[in-house]
Protein backbone atom coordinates (compact mmCIF):
# COMPACT_ATOMS: atom_id res chain seq x y z
CA MET A 1 126.15 84.79 123.19
CA PHE A 2 129.64 81.68 122.51
CA PHE A 3 130.44 79.01 121.75
CA ASP A 4 132.75 77.20 124.39
CA ASN A 5 131.54 73.10 123.27
CA GLY A 6 127.90 73.70 122.84
CA VAL A 7 126.43 77.66 122.36
CA VAL A 8 126.30 79.37 125.72
CA VAL A 9 123.92 81.91 126.16
CA GLU A 10 123.88 84.79 128.09
CA GLY A 11 121.38 86.61 129.30
CA ARG A 12 120.57 89.78 132.12
CA GLY A 13 120.22 86.90 135.16
CA PHE A 14 120.87 84.00 133.32
CA ARG A 15 123.14 81.10 131.27
CA VAL A 16 121.84 78.65 129.84
CA LEU A 17 124.57 75.61 127.73
CA VAL A 18 123.07 74.69 124.27
CA ASP A 19 124.29 71.18 122.95
CA PRO A 20 126.93 70.44 125.03
CA PHE A 21 129.03 67.30 123.46
CA LYS A 22 131.79 67.48 125.95
CA PRO A 23 132.36 67.34 129.52
CA PHE A 24 131.68 70.99 131.24
CA ASP A 25 130.72 72.06 134.82
CA GLU A 26 126.81 72.97 135.71
CA SER A 27 126.49 74.36 138.50
CA LYS A 28 127.38 77.72 135.90
CA TYR A 29 124.39 77.39 134.20
CA ASP A 30 120.37 77.57 134.56
CA ALA A 31 119.68 74.78 132.56
CA VAL A 32 120.92 72.55 129.34
CA LEU A 33 118.89 73.00 126.81
CA ILE A 34 119.71 69.30 123.93
CA THR A 35 118.19 69.36 121.03
CA HIS A 36 119.08 65.82 119.70
CA GLY A 37 120.35 62.97 120.79
CA HIS A 38 123.07 62.70 118.22
CA SER A 39 126.91 62.43 119.57
CA ASP A 40 128.11 65.25 118.18
CA HIS A 41 125.22 67.73 120.79
CA VAL A 42 124.77 65.58 123.06
CA THR A 43 127.71 64.09 126.19
CA ARG A 44 127.45 61.59 128.95
CA HIS A 45 127.78 64.88 131.52
CA VAL A 46 124.52 66.34 131.03
CA ARG A 47 123.78 63.53 134.21
CA ARG A 48 125.09 66.22 136.41
CA ALA A 49 122.77 68.68 134.56
CA PHE A 50 119.32 70.32 134.74
CA ALA A 51 118.50 69.42 131.21
CA VAL A 52 115.56 70.16 128.99
CA LEU A 53 114.94 67.59 125.77
CA THR A 54 112.35 65.64 123.88
CA ARG A 55 111.02 62.13 125.89
CA GLU A 56 111.96 60.59 122.17
CA THR A 57 115.99 62.13 123.59
CA LEU A 58 115.73 61.16 126.51
CA GLN A 59 115.42 56.79 125.83
CA VAL A 60 118.22 58.25 123.23
CA LEU A 61 120.52 59.01 125.95
CA ARG A 62 119.71 55.68 127.99
CA VAL A 63 119.83 53.21 124.93
CA ARG A 64 122.85 54.88 123.62
CA TYR A 65 124.91 55.99 126.98
CA GLY A 66 123.19 54.57 129.81
CA VAL A 67 123.03 57.89 131.61
CA ARG A 68 119.26 60.31 131.76
CA PRO A 69 120.15 63.88 133.59
CA ARG A 70 120.30 64.50 137.66
CA LYS A 71 116.52 66.79 136.71
CA TYR A 72 115.32 67.51 133.20
CA VAL A 73 111.43 68.74 132.07
CA LEU A 74 109.67 66.90 129.31
CA ALA A 75 109.54 68.87 126.15
CA ARG A 76 107.44 69.05 123.45
CA PRO A 77 107.04 71.29 120.46
CA GLY A 78 104.47 73.76 121.15
CA ASP A 79 105.47 74.28 124.10
CA ARG A 80 106.24 77.56 125.67
CA LEU A 81 107.93 76.59 129.05
CA ASP A 82 108.28 79.55 132.18
CA LEU A 83 112.25 78.97 133.66
CA GLY A 84 111.40 80.91 135.76
CA LYS A 85 114.38 83.65 134.15
CA PHE A 86 113.68 82.51 131.12
CA PHE A 87 110.86 81.59 128.64
CA LEU A 88 111.46 78.67 126.32
CA HIS A 89 109.82 78.35 123.47
CA VAL A 90 109.44 74.41 122.02
CA LEU A 91 109.84 74.15 117.93
CA ASN A 92 109.66 71.02 115.96
CA ALA A 93 113.76 70.77 114.24
CA GLY A 94 112.55 68.60 111.45
CA HIS A 95 115.51 66.77 111.90
CA VAL A 96 115.77 62.65 113.85
CA PRO A 97 113.20 61.67 116.16
CA GLY A 98 112.74 64.19 119.00
CA SER A 99 114.46 66.59 117.13
CA VAL A 100 113.43 70.12 118.82
CA MET A 101 114.54 74.07 117.82
CA TYR A 102 114.82 76.32 120.57
CA LEU A 103 113.62 80.06 121.12
CA ILE A 104 114.87 81.53 124.20
CA GLU A 105 112.02 84.71 125.08
CA SER A 106 113.30 87.05 128.31
CA ARG A 107 112.19 90.78 128.99
CA ASP A 108 116.17 91.54 126.90
CA GLY A 109 114.13 89.86 123.62
CA THR A 110 114.60 86.69 121.41
CA VAL A 111 116.73 84.25 120.92
CA GLY A 112 116.31 81.08 118.00
CA LEU A 113 118.63 78.22 118.35
CA THR A 114 117.79 76.10 115.36
CA GLY A 115 120.40 73.32 116.06
CA ASP A 116 120.60 70.98 113.03
CA PHE A 117 117.16 70.84 111.40
CA ASN A 118 115.53 69.90 107.74
CA PRO A 119 112.73 71.23 106.45
CA ALA A 120 111.82 68.94 103.98
CA GLY A 121 111.73 66.11 107.08
CA SER A 122 110.96 62.28 106.27
CA ASN A 123 109.54 59.38 105.81
CA VAL A 124 109.70 59.38 110.42
CA VAL A 125 108.87 62.93 111.63
CA ARG A 126 107.42 66.38 109.73
CA GLY A 127 109.37 69.41 108.88
CA ALA A 128 111.59 71.88 110.68
CA ASP A 129 108.59 74.82 111.30
CA ALA A 130 109.29 78.26 111.01
CA ILE A 131 111.86 79.84 113.46
CA GLU A 132 111.90 84.56 113.77
CA ALA A 133 113.76 85.76 116.08
CA ASP A 134 116.13 88.96 116.62
CA VAL A 135 118.87 87.05 116.76
CA LEU A 136 119.55 83.58 115.28
CA VAL A 137 121.56 80.42 115.70
CA MET A 138 121.49 78.28 112.95
CA GLU A 139 123.66 75.46 112.13
CA ALA A 140 126.00 75.14 108.39
CA THR A 141 127.27 71.76 108.35
CA TYR A 142 125.81 72.16 104.92
CA GLY A 143 126.43 75.76 104.11
CA SER A 144 127.51 75.74 100.75
CA ARG A 145 125.82 76.70 97.36
CA HIS A 146 127.27 73.03 96.55
CA TYR A 147 124.13 71.17 98.63
CA VAL A 148 121.25 70.80 96.89
CA PHE A 149 119.96 67.56 97.53
CA PRO A 150 116.64 66.16 95.28
CA PRO A 151 113.48 65.74 96.04
CA ARG A 152 113.05 62.35 99.31
CA GLU A 153 111.00 60.30 97.69
CA ARG A 154 113.21 60.62 94.65
CA LEU A 155 116.20 59.04 97.22
CA TYR A 156 114.09 56.99 98.83
CA GLU A 157 112.61 54.96 95.47
CA GLU A 158 116.79 54.57 93.99
CA ILE A 159 117.05 52.63 97.62
CA ALA A 160 114.24 50.60 97.34
CA ALA A 161 115.32 49.86 93.91
CA LEU A 162 118.66 48.94 94.93
CA ALA A 163 117.30 46.61 97.08
CA ASP A 164 114.79 45.02 94.99
CA ARG A 165 117.32 44.18 92.00
CA GLY A 166 118.60 41.24 94.20
CA GLU A 167 121.49 40.28 92.75
CA ALA A 168 123.37 39.94 96.16
CA PRO A 169 122.77 40.98 99.72
CA VAL A 170 122.98 45.69 100.60
CA ALA A 171 124.43 46.06 103.34
CA ILE A 172 123.83 50.61 104.38
CA ARG A 173 125.31 52.09 106.14
CA ALA A 174 123.44 54.59 107.98
CA GLY A 175 123.32 56.93 111.59
CA PRO A 176 121.62 54.57 113.51
CA LEU A 177 119.11 57.31 115.53
CA GLY A 178 117.42 59.54 112.12
CA LYS A 179 118.50 57.07 108.71
CA GLY A 180 117.92 53.54 111.04
CA GLN A 181 114.39 54.92 112.15
CA GLU A 182 114.09 55.31 108.01
CA MET A 183 115.30 52.84 106.47
CA ALA A 184 112.68 50.78 108.81
CA ARG A 185 109.63 52.78 107.87
CA LEU A 186 110.88 52.45 103.96
CA LEU A 187 111.72 48.64 103.56
CA PRO A 188 109.63 45.48 104.19
CA GLY A 189 109.79 44.11 107.58
CA ASN A 190 110.82 40.53 106.42
CA LYS A 191 113.69 41.13 103.90
CA LEU A 192 114.97 43.59 106.57
CA TYR A 193 118.44 42.88 109.17
CA LEU A 194 118.95 45.12 111.71
CA GLU A 195 122.37 45.59 113.25
CA PRO A 196 121.86 45.41 117.33
CA LYS A 197 122.36 49.18 118.18
CA VAL A 198 120.14 50.12 115.55
CA ALA A 199 117.86 47.19 116.34
CA ALA A 200 118.18 48.57 120.40
CA LEU A 201 117.33 52.49 118.88
CA ASN A 202 114.47 51.53 116.28
CA ARG A 203 113.25 48.91 120.34
CA ALA A 204 113.75 52.16 122.59
CA LEU A 205 111.64 54.72 119.80
CA GLY A 206 109.05 52.47 119.16
CA PHE A 207 109.47 51.97 115.61
CA PRO A 208 108.97 47.57 114.54
CA GLY A 209 110.74 46.46 111.55
CA GLY A 210 113.12 43.95 110.42
CA ARG A 211 114.99 41.48 112.34
CA GLU A 212 118.12 41.78 114.58
CA LEU A 213 121.31 40.92 112.98
CA ALA A 214 122.37 38.36 115.32
CA ARG A 215 126.03 36.45 115.06
CA GLY A 216 126.28 34.07 111.91
CA ILE A 217 123.35 35.11 110.07
CA LYS A 218 124.52 36.08 107.04
CA PRO A 219 121.83 37.97 104.29
CA ASN A 220 120.70 36.51 101.23
CA PRO A 221 120.61 38.38 97.26
CA GLY A 222 117.94 40.86 97.63
CA GLU A 223 118.07 40.86 101.69
CA VAL A 224 118.84 44.26 103.44
CA VAL A 225 120.72 45.03 106.54
CA VAL A 226 121.58 48.82 108.03
CA LEU A 227 124.07 49.12 109.64
CA GLY A 228 126.25 51.81 111.91
CA LEU A 229 128.45 54.60 110.16
CA THR A 230 131.35 52.61 110.79
CA SER A 231 130.23 48.40 110.13
CA ARG A 232 131.37 46.36 108.27
CA PRO A 233 129.34 44.81 105.41
CA PRO A 234 128.80 41.37 105.43
CA PRO A 235 131.10 39.54 102.39
CA GLY A 236 129.99 39.67 99.08
CA SER A 237 126.90 42.40 99.76
CA LEU A 238 126.78 46.18 98.28
CA LEU A 239 127.29 48.45 100.08
CA VAL A 240 125.26 51.37 100.06
CA GLU A 241 125.87 54.89 101.88
CA LEU A 242 123.85 57.73 103.10
CA SER A 243 124.92 61.50 103.80
CA GLY A 244 125.03 64.64 102.06
CA HIS A 245 127.98 64.79 101.23
CA TYR A 246 127.61 62.52 98.54
CA ALA A 247 125.38 65.81 97.18
CA VAL A 248 129.26 66.52 95.62
CA ALA A 249 131.15 62.88 96.50
CA LYS A 250 131.46 59.48 95.60
CA PRO A 251 132.26 57.20 98.14
CA GLU A 252 135.45 54.45 96.84
CA GLY A 253 134.19 50.79 96.60
CA ALA A 254 129.67 52.19 97.47
CA VAL A 255 127.48 53.59 96.36
CA GLY A 256 127.01 57.17 97.67
CA ILE A 257 123.32 58.49 98.13
CA PRO A 258 123.14 61.71 99.60
CA LEU A 259 120.30 60.87 101.01
CA SER A 260 120.43 63.39 104.61
CA ASN A 261 118.43 63.98 108.09
CA HIS A 262 120.36 68.02 107.42
CA ALA A 263 118.90 71.10 105.55
CA ASP A 264 120.37 71.60 102.38
CA PHE A 265 121.97 74.67 101.33
CA PRO A 266 118.93 77.20 99.92
CA ALA A 267 117.19 75.07 102.09
CA LEU A 268 119.74 77.18 105.17
CA LEU A 269 119.28 80.89 103.55
CA GLU A 270 114.81 80.00 102.67
CA THR A 271 115.42 79.51 106.61
CA ALA A 272 117.50 82.87 107.46
CA LEU A 273 115.09 85.41 105.22
CA ARG A 274 112.18 83.79 106.99
CA SER A 275 113.30 83.69 110.44
CA ARG A 276 114.17 88.08 110.44
CA ALA A 277 116.38 88.07 112.64
CA LYS A 278 118.42 91.25 112.98
CA ARG A 279 121.04 89.10 113.37
CA ILE A 280 123.07 85.74 112.25
CA TYR A 281 125.38 83.53 113.95
CA THR A 282 125.94 80.06 112.05
CA VAL A 283 127.36 76.98 113.83
CA TYR A 284 128.65 73.13 112.98
CA GLY A 285 129.77 72.92 109.45
CA HIS A 286 129.81 75.29 106.79
CA VAL A 287 130.23 79.16 108.65
CA ASP A 288 131.90 81.14 106.81
CA GLU A 289 131.08 80.35 103.46
CA LEU A 290 126.98 80.33 104.76
CA ALA A 291 127.73 83.79 106.77
CA ARG A 292 129.14 84.69 103.09
CA TRP A 293 126.16 84.83 101.47
CA LEU A 294 123.65 85.41 104.36
CA ASN A 295 125.47 88.81 104.43
CA ARG A 296 125.05 89.07 99.76
CA LEU A 297 121.36 88.89 100.43
CA GLY A 298 121.48 91.94 102.85
CA LEU A 299 120.87 89.95 106.53
CA LYS A 300 123.64 90.29 109.44
CA ALA A 301 125.50 87.10 109.80
CA SER A 302 129.03 86.10 110.85
CA ARG A 303 130.67 82.60 112.69
CA ILE A 304 129.21 81.82 116.08
CA PRO A 305 132.78 83.85 118.08
CA PRO A 306 134.50 81.43 120.63
CA ARG A 307 134.46 81.76 124.64
CA GLY A 308 135.65 85.18 125.21
CA GLN A 309 134.58 87.05 122.98
CA THR A 310 131.09 88.52 123.17
CA GLU A 311 130.41 90.42 120.63
CA LEU A 312 126.83 88.53 120.58
CA THR A 313 125.58 90.27 123.94
CA GLN A 314 125.84 94.03 122.30
CA TRP A 315 121.81 93.46 121.87
CA LEU A 316 121.84 92.13 126.05
């Protein structure tokens, strides 16, 4: 097992690629496992592969990339799929609509792959399932001790209060997948506008609420527009940015609220401890810092090795 623009898991007689985000040679893999539809976990090049993904993630691929895999299996949390050379357990990840974790079960043991996950859940997805495995590959996006998030309900109240002020239009910069659905469920639909790419994704995923922000429309004070991460806010609006990074730093010229779809540092530690894993590999984000803390807790952890290193295969 190693990292090569995605997590590569090799067992006796099979090889799978998890969450590729760049072009890859599909002929080298028995299957491609996609945990969710964010662009740092999937690429349009999965159209050539045999993929495992959820129905929601398939919709995200269709709307955002205009593709679907040539052959695929639709998975749901609770499934145990027989892929011939191994079994695949599917667990809820609690990250965004359609997000899942995977547990590969073969005659050699089990490998857990969290992708991005959040035990706290949100107003659109329930919190992540517990995961146990011999080897665990887990995200470390907020794997620094500084990232401790306030309760989500408190953050929702803060966002709603900003929208209720009525002093100026409120422009919320948020990821279209995840927070785009949360804002549609949180805020009154008659006062909510959605940037077209957010509106299109919400329709595809079955989340009503709000109106599409057509060209020339200027939101009024007391109204809210949900934008993508890089979009410019309407003139005169109060800009609000949602990201777990704002548990540590604050943005310039905006209100930063630490609303995240990821596990915070305490949740990462708790997930690792409960996994009973003999070996843990960290990937994405604060990989070295999280691994150091896990080792202090008595676990055996390190960042996942790059292509060409094979320390993970020693247990197979």
